[in-house]
Every structure is written in C-alpha cells, then in structure tokens.
Amino acid sequence: MTKNDWLELAVLERKKYNLLSEVMDLSRQLGEAMDRSDDVSIRLLLSMRQDPILQLEELRRTALLKQENLTPEERERVEAVISGSVSPTAEEESCFEEAGRSRRLLERVVELDQRLNRRLAGKNSFYAEKK
C-alpha cells in the first residue's frame, strides 16, 4: 500500500470519529431529555441520532470497498493497524492514530448507548441479558 492509501484510510477514520462525536453529543442530550422526562425531545433526539449512525454504516461500506482491491496480506495489515494490534510504520502512523481515537470514542458511545437503552426499554432493552 502507498502512503496515499494510508492517508485515505486515515481520512475515513477521521470522518468516523466526527460522526461518532455527533452520536455521542446527541446521546448525551438524549440522556438529559430522559432526566427531564421530555418525551418530545426524546423522540426528536432518537430521530436525529439515526442520521449519523446511517452515515457511519455508509462509511464502513466505503472502507470495505477500498479494501477489496488489496491483497490478503495488505488487508490483514490494514485490519491490524486499525485494530491497534501492531506497531505502525511511519506511513501507517496517521491511520493508526485516527483509528485509535475512533475506537476509544466508539467504546464510550456504546457504553452510553447501553445505559440509555436500558433506561428507555427496561427489560425489553436490546442489551438485556438473553436467557
């Protein structure tokens, strides 16, 4: 892979981070609306959150399409760099850093989403323990 390929992947990771930041902000606002028992705001914020989440899915598909033209070894290296499981080379550094930021933010978004979903749905929560 060329340095330009790695920069393109870094740009995708930056876009992912920005979308995740938007989801996080809307999720925080959702939690505040839930604290106020503001049903209108809750519905509005849930609807607003859907757009960046759909954009994240589109971004994921774009990244997968970029990886289709790679050799299996290159694809494996990209996955390792993005997952943070290897030390990056100089060319890979920006992608590695952006992916790490996105990964850490995603963990926080999922954690907040779990709490909010359990509050909203109770025993019918998506995250409820399966028996």
Protein backbone atom coordinates (compact mmCIF):
# COMPACT_ATOMS: atom_id res chain seq x y z
CA MET A 1 0.00 0.00 0.00
CA THR A 2 1.15 3.51 -0.70
CA LYS A 3 1.37 6.40 1.71
CA ASN A 4 -1.61 7.93 -0.10
CA ASP A 5 -3.68 4.79 0.57
CA TRP A 6 -2.89 5.07 4.26
CA LEU A 7 -3.81 8.76 4.25
CA GLU A 8 -7.14 7.94 2.60
CA LEU A 9 -7.85 5.40 5.33
CA ALA A 10 -6.86 7.99 7.95
CA VAL A 11 -9.35 10.43 6.42
CA LEU A 12 -12.09 7.79 6.63
CA GLU A 13 -11.19 7.18 10.28
CA ARG A 14 -11.35 10.95 10.94
CA LYS A 15 -14.81 11.08 9.35
CA LYS A 16 -15.80 8.14 11.52
CA TYR A 17 -14.57 9.97 14.61
CA ASN A 18 -16.56 13.09 13.68
CA LEU A 19 -19.74 11.07 13.17
CA LEU A 20 -19.19 9.22 16.45
CA SER A 21 -18.72 12.59 18.17
CA GLU A 22 -22.08 13.68 16.81
CA VAL A 23 -23.71 10.46 18.04
CA MET A 24 -22.11 10.97 21.46
CA ASP A 25 -23.36 14.56 21.69
CA LEU A 26 -26.88 13.57 20.68
CA SER A 27 -26.80 10.66 23.13
CA ARG A 28 -25.82 12.97 25.98
CA GLN A 29 -28.67 15.29 25.03
CA LEU A 30 -30.96 12.26 24.95
CA GLY A 31 -29.92 11.35 28.49
CA GLU A 32 -30.66 14.90 29.63
CA ALA A 33 -34.08 14.78 27.96
CA MET A 34 -34.75 11.48 29.71
CA ASP A 35 -33.80 13.07 33.04
CA ARG A 36 -36.39 15.81 32.34
CA SER A 37 -38.97 13.25 31.13
CA ASP A 38 -39.24 15.32 27.94
CA ASP A 39 -40.89 12.85 25.57
CA VAL A 40 -40.93 15.23 22.59
CA SER A 41 -37.18 15.84 22.86
CA ILE A 42 -36.51 12.14 23.37
CA ARG A 43 -38.29 11.26 20.12
CA LEU A 44 -36.60 14.10 18.26
CA LEU A 45 -33.12 13.17 19.51
CA LEU A 46 -33.62 9.49 18.71
CA SER A 47 -34.57 10.50 15.20
CA MET A 48 -31.62 12.88 14.89
CA ARG A 49 -29.21 10.17 16.06
CA GLN A 50 -30.29 7.90 13.24
CA ASP A 51 -28.66 10.05 10.52
CA PRO A 52 -25.04 9.91 11.75
CA ILE A 53 -25.46 6.22 12.55
CA LEU A 54 -26.57 5.56 8.98
CA GLN A 55 -23.65 7.65 7.74
CA LEU A 56 -21.31 5.50 9.84
CA GLU A 57 -22.66 2.41 8.11
CA GLU A 58 -22.08 4.02 4.71
CA LEU A 59 -18.54 4.92 5.76
CA ARG A 60 -17.95 1.32 6.83
CA ARG A 61 -19.06 0.10 3.41
CA THR A 62 -16.77 2.63 1.71
CA ALA A 63 -13.81 1.38 3.75
CA LEU A 64 -14.64 -2.22 2.87
CA LEU A 65 -14.81 -1.34 -0.82
CA LYS A 66 -11.37 0.28 -0.61
CA GLN A 67 -10.04 -2.92 0.94
CA GLU A 68 -11.48 -5.20 -1.76
CA ASN A 69 -8.64 -4.32 -4.14
CA LEU A 70 -5.97 -5.19 -1.60
CA THR A 71 -4.06 -8.43 -1.40
CA PRO A 72 -4.93 -10.67 1.55
CA GLU A 73 -1.68 -9.64 3.24
CA GLU A 74 -2.41 -5.93 2.78
CA ARG A 75 -5.97 -6.40 4.05
CA GLU A 76 -4.65 -8.22 7.10
CA ARG A 77 -2.16 -5.40 7.75
CA VAL A 78 -4.90 -2.76 7.45
CA GLU A 79 -7.07 -4.66 9.94
CA ALA A 80 -4.12 -4.99 12.33
CA VAL A 81 -3.26 -1.28 12.10
CA ILE A 82 -6.88 -0.20 12.54
CA SER A 83 -7.41 -2.56 15.48
CA GLY A 84 -4.22 -1.26 17.11
CA SER A 85 -2.73 -4.73 17.42
CA VAL A 86 0.57 -3.86 15.70
CA SER A 87 3.12 -1.09 15.84
CA PRO A 88 2.63 1.17 12.83
CA THR A 89 5.26 2.14 10.31
CA ALA A 90 5.77 5.84 9.54
CA GLU A 91 3.35 5.57 6.58
CA GLU A 92 0.71 3.92 8.76
CA GLU A 93 1.02 6.26 11.76
CA SER A 94 -1.77 8.72 10.90
CA CYS A 95 -4.24 5.92 10.17
CA PHE A 96 -3.20 4.12 13.37
CA GLU A 97 -3.75 7.26 15.48
CA GLU A 98 -7.09 8.15 13.90
CA ALA A 99 -8.33 4.57 14.23
CA GLY A 100 -7.33 4.53 17.90
CA ARG A 101 -9.24 7.73 18.59
CA SER A 102 -12.30 6.37 16.79
CA ARG A 103 -12.08 3.05 18.61
CA ARG A 104 -11.89 4.71 22.05
CA LEU A 105 -14.81 7.02 21.26
CA LEU A 106 -16.86 4.11 19.92
CA GLU A 107 -16.37 2.28 23.22
CA ARG A 108 -17.70 5.32 25.10
CA VAL A 109 -20.64 5.69 22.69
CA VAL A 110 -21.59 2.03 23.10
CA GLU A 111 -21.34 2.27 26.89
CA LEU A 112 -23.61 5.33 26.94
CA ASP A 113 -25.99 3.73 24.44
CA GLN A 114 -26.30 0.67 26.65
CA ARG A 115 -27.23 2.79 29.67
CA LEU A 116 -29.73 4.86 27.69
CA ASN A 117 -31.28 1.83 26.01
CA ARG A 118 -31.74 0.08 29.34
CA ARG A 119 -33.39 3.19 30.77
CA LEU A 120 -35.72 3.54 27.81
CA ALA A 121 -36.58 -0.10 27.19
CA GLY A 122 -36.13 -1.69 30.61
CA LYS A 123 -36.40 -5.48 30.36
CA ASN A 124 -37.01 -5.14 26.60
CA SER A 125 -33.63 -3.48 26.12
CA PHE A 126 -31.52 -4.54 23.18
CA TYR A 127 -28.75 -5.07 25.72
CA ALA A 128 -30.84 -7.12 28.14
CA GLU A 129 -29.30 -10.41 29.14
CA LYS A 130 -30.57 -13.25 26.99
CA LYS A 131 -31.82 -16.30 28.83
